[in-house]
Protein backbone atom coordinates (compact mmCIF):
# COMPACT_ATOMS: atom_id res chain seq x y z
CA MET A 1 130.23 174.23 87.40
CA THR A 2 131.85 171.94 89.94
CA GLN A 3 130.97 168.27 90.23
CA SER A 4 129.47 168.81 93.68
CA ASN A 5 127.19 171.57 92.36
CA GLU A 6 126.04 169.34 89.51
CA LEU A 7 125.20 166.61 92.00
CA LEU A 8 123.19 169.00 94.16
CA ILE A 9 121.29 170.17 91.09
CA LYS A 10 120.42 166.57 90.22
CA LYS A 11 119.39 165.93 93.81
CA GLU A 12 117.01 168.88 93.67
CA LYS A 13 115.63 167.71 90.31
CA LEU A 14 114.95 164.30 91.86
CA ASN A 15 113.20 165.99 94.79
CA GLN A 16 111.04 167.99 92.40
CA TYR A 17 110.31 164.91 90.29
CA PHE A 18 108.88 163.05 93.29
CA TYR A 19 107.08 166.10 94.66
CA GLN A 20 105.25 166.49 91.37
CA LEU A 21 104.41 162.78 91.21
CA LEU A 22 103.14 162.78 94.78
CA GLU A 23 100.96 165.81 94.15
CA LYS A 24 98.95 163.46 91.91
CA GLY A 25 98.57 160.73 94.55
CA ASP A 26 100.27 157.96 96.54
CA ILE A 27 103.02 156.02 94.77
CA CYS A 28 104.51 152.52 94.76
CA ILE A 29 108.23 151.79 94.31
CA ALA A 30 109.81 148.50 93.24
CA PHE A 31 112.33 148.27 96.07
CA SER A 32 115.21 145.78 96.00
CA GLY A 33 117.23 147.46 98.74
CA GLY A 34 120.06 148.22 96.33
CA VAL A 35 121.55 151.68 96.03
CA ASP A 36 119.31 152.80 93.13
CA SER A 37 115.98 151.93 94.72
CA SER A 38 117.19 153.06 98.16
CA VAL A 39 117.94 156.56 96.88
CA LEU A 40 114.51 156.62 95.23
CA LEU A 41 112.76 155.44 98.40
CA LYS A 42 114.54 157.98 100.63
CA THR A 43 113.79 160.83 98.23
CA ALA A 44 110.17 159.76 97.73
CA THR A 45 109.39 159.39 101.43
CA ASP A 46 111.01 162.76 102.24
CA GLN A 47 108.74 164.45 99.69
CA ALA A 48 105.68 162.37 100.66
CA ASP A 49 106.03 163.47 104.29
CA LYS A 50 105.65 167.09 103.13
CA LEU A 51 102.42 166.29 101.28
CA ASN A 52 100.97 163.75 103.70
CA ARG A 53 101.09 161.13 100.96
CA LYS A 54 101.90 157.43 101.20
CA VAL A 55 104.79 155.58 99.59
CA TYR A 56 104.44 151.82 99.18
CA ALA A 57 107.67 149.85 98.76
CA ILE A 58 107.45 146.38 97.22
CA THR A 59 110.29 143.89 97.61
CA PHE A 60 110.22 140.54 95.86
CA GLN A 61 111.47 137.48 97.73
CA THR A 62 112.44 135.10 94.94
CA VAL A 63 114.64 132.11 94.17
CA LEU A 64 116.73 134.29 91.86
CA HIS A 65 117.87 136.61 94.66
CA THR A 66 119.68 135.96 97.92
CA GLN A 67 118.23 136.16 101.42
CA ALA A 68 120.77 138.90 102.16
CA ASP A 69 119.02 141.15 99.63
CA LEU A 70 115.72 140.80 101.50
CA ILE A 71 117.31 141.45 104.89
CA ASN A 72 118.98 144.58 103.52
CA ALA A 73 115.74 145.85 101.96
CA LYS A 74 113.84 145.43 105.24
CA ASN A 75 116.55 147.32 107.10
CA ILE A 76 116.55 150.27 104.69
CA ALA A 77 112.76 150.49 104.46
CA SER A 78 112.39 150.46 108.25
CA LYS A 79 114.27 153.76 108.43
CA THR A 80 111.74 155.55 106.22
CA SER A 81 108.01 156.23 106.41
CA ALA A 82 107.35 153.78 103.54
CA ILE A 83 104.77 151.04 103.81
CA HIS A 84 106.93 148.02 103.03
CA ASN A 85 105.51 144.79 101.70
CA VAL A 86 107.30 141.60 100.60
CA ILE A 87 105.83 139.52 97.79
CA GLU A 88 107.07 135.93 97.50
CA ILE A 89 107.46 134.63 93.95
CA ASN A 90 109.16 131.56 92.50
CA GLU A 91 110.19 132.54 88.98
CA LEU A 92 110.87 128.90 88.15
CA ASP A 93 107.13 128.24 88.29
CA ASN A 94 107.05 130.12 84.99
CA GLU A 95 107.86 127.63 82.21
CA GLN A 96 109.01 130.49 79.98
CA LEU A 97 111.96 131.19 82.28
CA LEU A 98 113.26 127.68 82.93
CA ASN A 99 115.68 127.66 79.98
CA ASN A 100 117.04 131.15 80.69
CA PRO A 101 115.86 132.73 77.41
CA ILE A 102 117.58 135.80 75.98
CA ASP A 103 114.49 137.89 76.84
CA ARG A 104 114.38 136.51 80.39
CA CYS A 105 114.48 139.96 81.98
CA TYR A 106 111.55 141.13 79.87
CA ILE A 107 109.42 138.12 80.85
CA CYS A 108 110.41 138.32 84.50
CA LYS A 109 109.93 142.09 84.83
CA ASN A 110 106.50 141.84 83.24
CA HIS A 111 105.47 139.21 85.77
CA LEU A 112 106.99 140.83 88.86
CA PHE A 113 105.75 144.32 88.12
CA GLY A 114 102.35 142.92 87.23
CA GLN A 115 102.19 141.45 90.74
CA MET A 116 103.34 144.76 92.24
CA MET A 117 100.69 146.72 90.36
CA GLU A 118 97.96 144.27 91.31
CA TYR A 119 98.91 144.63 94.98
CA ALA A 120 99.18 148.43 94.99
CA LYS A 121 95.96 149.04 93.08
CA ARG A 122 94.06 147.50 96.00
CA PHE A 123 95.03 150.68 97.85
CA GLY A 124 94.12 152.99 94.98
CA VAL A 125 97.71 153.48 93.85
CA GLU A 126 98.14 154.19 90.14
CA ILE A 127 101.68 155.61 90.07
CA PHE A 128 104.63 153.20 89.91
CA VAL A 129 108.38 153.82 90.07
CA GLU A 130 111.51 151.70 89.55
CA GLY A 131 115.27 152.14 89.69
CA THR A 132 116.73 151.96 86.18
CA ASN A 133 119.59 154.49 86.00
CA ARG A 134 121.14 156.22 82.99
CA ASP A 135 123.98 153.70 82.65
CA ASP A 136 121.48 150.87 82.28
CA LEU A 137 120.32 152.37 78.99
CA ASP A 138 123.76 151.73 77.45
CA VAL A 139 123.79 147.96 78.00
CA TYR A 140 121.57 144.96 77.30
CA ARG A 141 118.54 145.38 79.59
CA PRO A 142 115.45 143.79 77.96
CA GLY A 143 113.49 144.42 81.16
CA ILE A 144 113.43 148.13 80.33
CA LYS A 145 111.01 147.37 77.49
CA ALA A 146 108.56 145.88 80.01
CA VAL A 147 108.98 148.90 82.29
CA LYS A 148 108.02 151.25 79.46
CA GLU A 149 105.11 149.10 78.29
CA LEU A 150 103.67 149.03 81.82
CA GLY A 151 103.99 152.80 82.21
CA VAL A 152 106.34 152.61 85.19
CA HIS A 153 108.40 155.73 85.92
CA SER A 154 112.23 155.54 85.89
CA PRO A 155 113.36 158.84 87.49
CA LEU A 156 117.10 158.11 87.49
CA ALA A 157 117.15 157.29 83.79
CA GLU A 158 114.81 160.14 82.89
CA LEU A 159 116.96 162.67 84.78
CA GLU A 160 120.14 161.11 83.32
CA ILE A 161 121.57 160.20 86.72
CA ARG A 162 124.36 157.64 86.34
CA LYS A 163 125.37 154.89 88.77
CA ALA A 164 128.34 156.76 90.21
CA GLU A 165 126.07 159.75 90.85
CA VAL A 166 123.47 157.53 92.51
CA ARG A 167 126.17 156.34 94.92
CA GLU A 168 127.14 159.94 95.65
CA LEU A 169 123.50 160.83 96.31
CA ALA A 170 123.31 157.85 98.68
CA ARG A 171 126.35 159.19 100.55
CA LEU A 172 124.71 162.62 100.81
CA GLU A 173 121.70 160.91 102.41
CA ASN A 174 123.97 158.82 104.68
CA LEU A 175 122.55 155.60 103.26
CA GLU A 176 124.66 152.59 104.24
CA VAL A 177 124.10 151.03 100.82
CA ALA A 178 126.15 153.75 99.10
CA SER A 179 129.07 151.39 98.49
CA ARG A 180 127.12 148.13 98.42
CA PRO A 181 127.95 146.06 95.32
CA SER A 182 125.17 145.43 92.84
CA THR A 183 123.40 142.11 93.32
CA PRO A 184 121.71 141.20 90.05
CA CYS A 185 119.47 138.18 89.57
CA MET A 186 121.23 134.82 89.92
CA ALA A 187 120.18 133.78 86.40
CA THR A 188 122.89 136.16 85.14
CA ARG A 189 125.44 133.55 86.32
CA LEU A 190 124.28 131.12 83.63
CA PRO A 191 124.54 131.31 79.83
CA TYR A 192 121.33 132.01 77.97
CA ASN A 193 119.37 128.94 76.83
CA THR A 194 120.66 126.93 79.81
CA ARG A 195 118.32 125.07 82.15
CA ILE A 196 117.84 126.79 85.53
CA THR A 197 117.20 124.68 88.62
CA GLU A 198 117.04 125.58 92.30
CA GLU A 199 119.90 123.14 92.96
CA ILE A 200 122.17 124.98 90.50
CA LEU A 201 121.19 128.38 91.92
CA GLU A 202 121.92 127.28 95.49
CA ARG A 203 125.31 125.91 94.45
CA ILE A 204 126.21 129.21 92.77
CA LYS A 205 125.03 131.24 95.79
CA SER A 206 127.13 129.05 98.09
CA GLY A 207 130.11 129.32 95.75
CA GLU A 208 129.96 133.11 95.78
CA GLU A 209 129.73 133.09 99.58
CA VAL A 210 132.91 130.99 99.69
CA VAL A 211 134.83 133.44 97.50
CA ARG A 212 133.36 136.55 99.14
CA ALA A 213 134.44 135.27 102.57
CA TYR A 214 138.03 136.14 101.61
CA GLY A 215 137.11 139.82 101.61
CA TYR A 216 136.50 140.42 97.90
CA GLN A 217 133.78 142.98 97.27
CA ASN A 218 132.72 142.16 93.72
CA VAL A 219 132.28 138.43 93.14
CA ARG A 220 130.56 136.41 90.44
CA VAL A 221 130.68 132.64 90.00
CA ARG A 222 129.39 131.98 86.49
CA LEU A 223 128.65 128.42 85.51
CA HIS A 224 129.46 126.95 82.08
CA GLY A 225 128.57 123.27 82.31
CA ASP A 226 131.30 121.74 84.51
CA ILE A 227 133.31 124.98 84.61
CA ALA A 228 132.97 127.62 87.35
CA ARG A 229 134.30 130.93 86.00
CA ILE A 230 135.16 133.29 88.85
CA GLU A 231 135.09 137.05 88.32
CA ILE A 232 136.69 139.35 90.91
CA ASP A 233 138.29 142.80 90.72
CA PHE A 234 141.83 142.95 89.28
CA SER A 235 143.03 144.39 92.58
CA ASP A 236 142.09 141.11 94.29
CA PHE A 237 143.98 138.81 91.91
CA THR A 238 147.22 138.64 93.93
CA ASP A 239 145.46 137.79 97.15
CA PHE A 240 143.18 135.30 95.37
CA LEU A 241 146.19 133.38 94.03
CA ILE A 242 147.58 133.09 97.55
CA HIS A 243 144.37 131.29 98.57
CA LYS A 244 143.67 129.56 95.27
CA GLU A 245 144.10 125.99 96.52
CA GLU A 246 141.79 126.30 99.52
CA ILE A 247 139.20 128.21 97.45
CA ALA A 248 139.29 125.52 94.76
CA LYS A 249 138.95 122.79 97.37
CA LYS A 250 135.90 124.43 98.95
CA LEU A 251 134.24 124.99 95.57
CA LYS A 252 134.83 121.39 94.51
CA GLU A 253 133.20 120.26 97.73
CA LEU A 254 130.11 122.14 96.56
CA GLY A 255 130.07 120.16 93.32
CA PHE A 256 131.99 122.39 90.90
CA ARG A 257 134.34 120.26 88.78
CA TYR A 258 136.67 122.77 87.10
CA ILE A 259 137.57 126.10 88.73
CA THR A 260 138.83 129.04 86.66
CA LEU A 261 139.72 132.68 87.35
CA ASP A 262 138.53 134.98 84.55
CA MET A 263 141.55 136.99 83.41
CA GLU A 264 139.29 139.87 82.33
CA GLY A 265 138.22 140.39 85.93
CA PHE A 266 134.84 141.40 87.30
CA ARG A 267 132.42 143.07 84.91
CA SER A 268 128.67 143.34 84.78
CA GLY A 269 126.84 141.57 81.99
CA SER A 270 129.65 139.29 80.86
CA MET A 271 127.04 136.74 79.74
CA ASP A 272 125.50 139.34 77.43
CA ILE A 273 127.83 138.64 74.51
CA PHE A 274 126.07 138.06 71.23
CA GLU A 275 127.96 137.13 68.07
């Protein structure tokens, strides 16, 4: 079986998954505007239109995500029949999260999805969906425990659809987010058991904007005390070194004291190292 045939089979399975869910009633999707949740929203609304069902899409506007994420989510949702709602939450109001605990994702997901469920149940919605994919099951994702405890469906993981396949499905649907880099929560830029403040988060966001302005797709500025550890793709190293002095100057103007380039390059979850 060719790769393209396998992808089409998974696409049809995803269609059937949502059709069967929607036969039971309206659904609500946790919608970040990233490629995973965008594929879910497009598939869900296509199937809902056949059944005259409603799909509610909930996006969280939070201090741990950038404004660009919200703008992107609004754009994607506007091109579907979903009923899109934005819920504003400041995670730093939760004392449990202020020191970036190892189970941060579990605590945060419980709170966010609790808010989503409370909102959707006002409209009689009892079916909830989120975008964990199969690759997420192979890495440290404590939030998945909360998803399971709350009874939220994870179609991509359940159907064993991996990230690369999600991007291919997005291309089949002509979704502009198909190649969009992942934008995880800003707390992932800090070591666990480190105090999180809005000032630190804003400095990191600004630092990543500085580096990204040079055309690098995958960028992380991770903060270790006075040290800013920059992660970019290996293919960008040569160009980065050409601009290293001006990048360092701009980052120091933001308040970073020491600037380093991580020789291991960009990788997701580099703070999730437990010894």
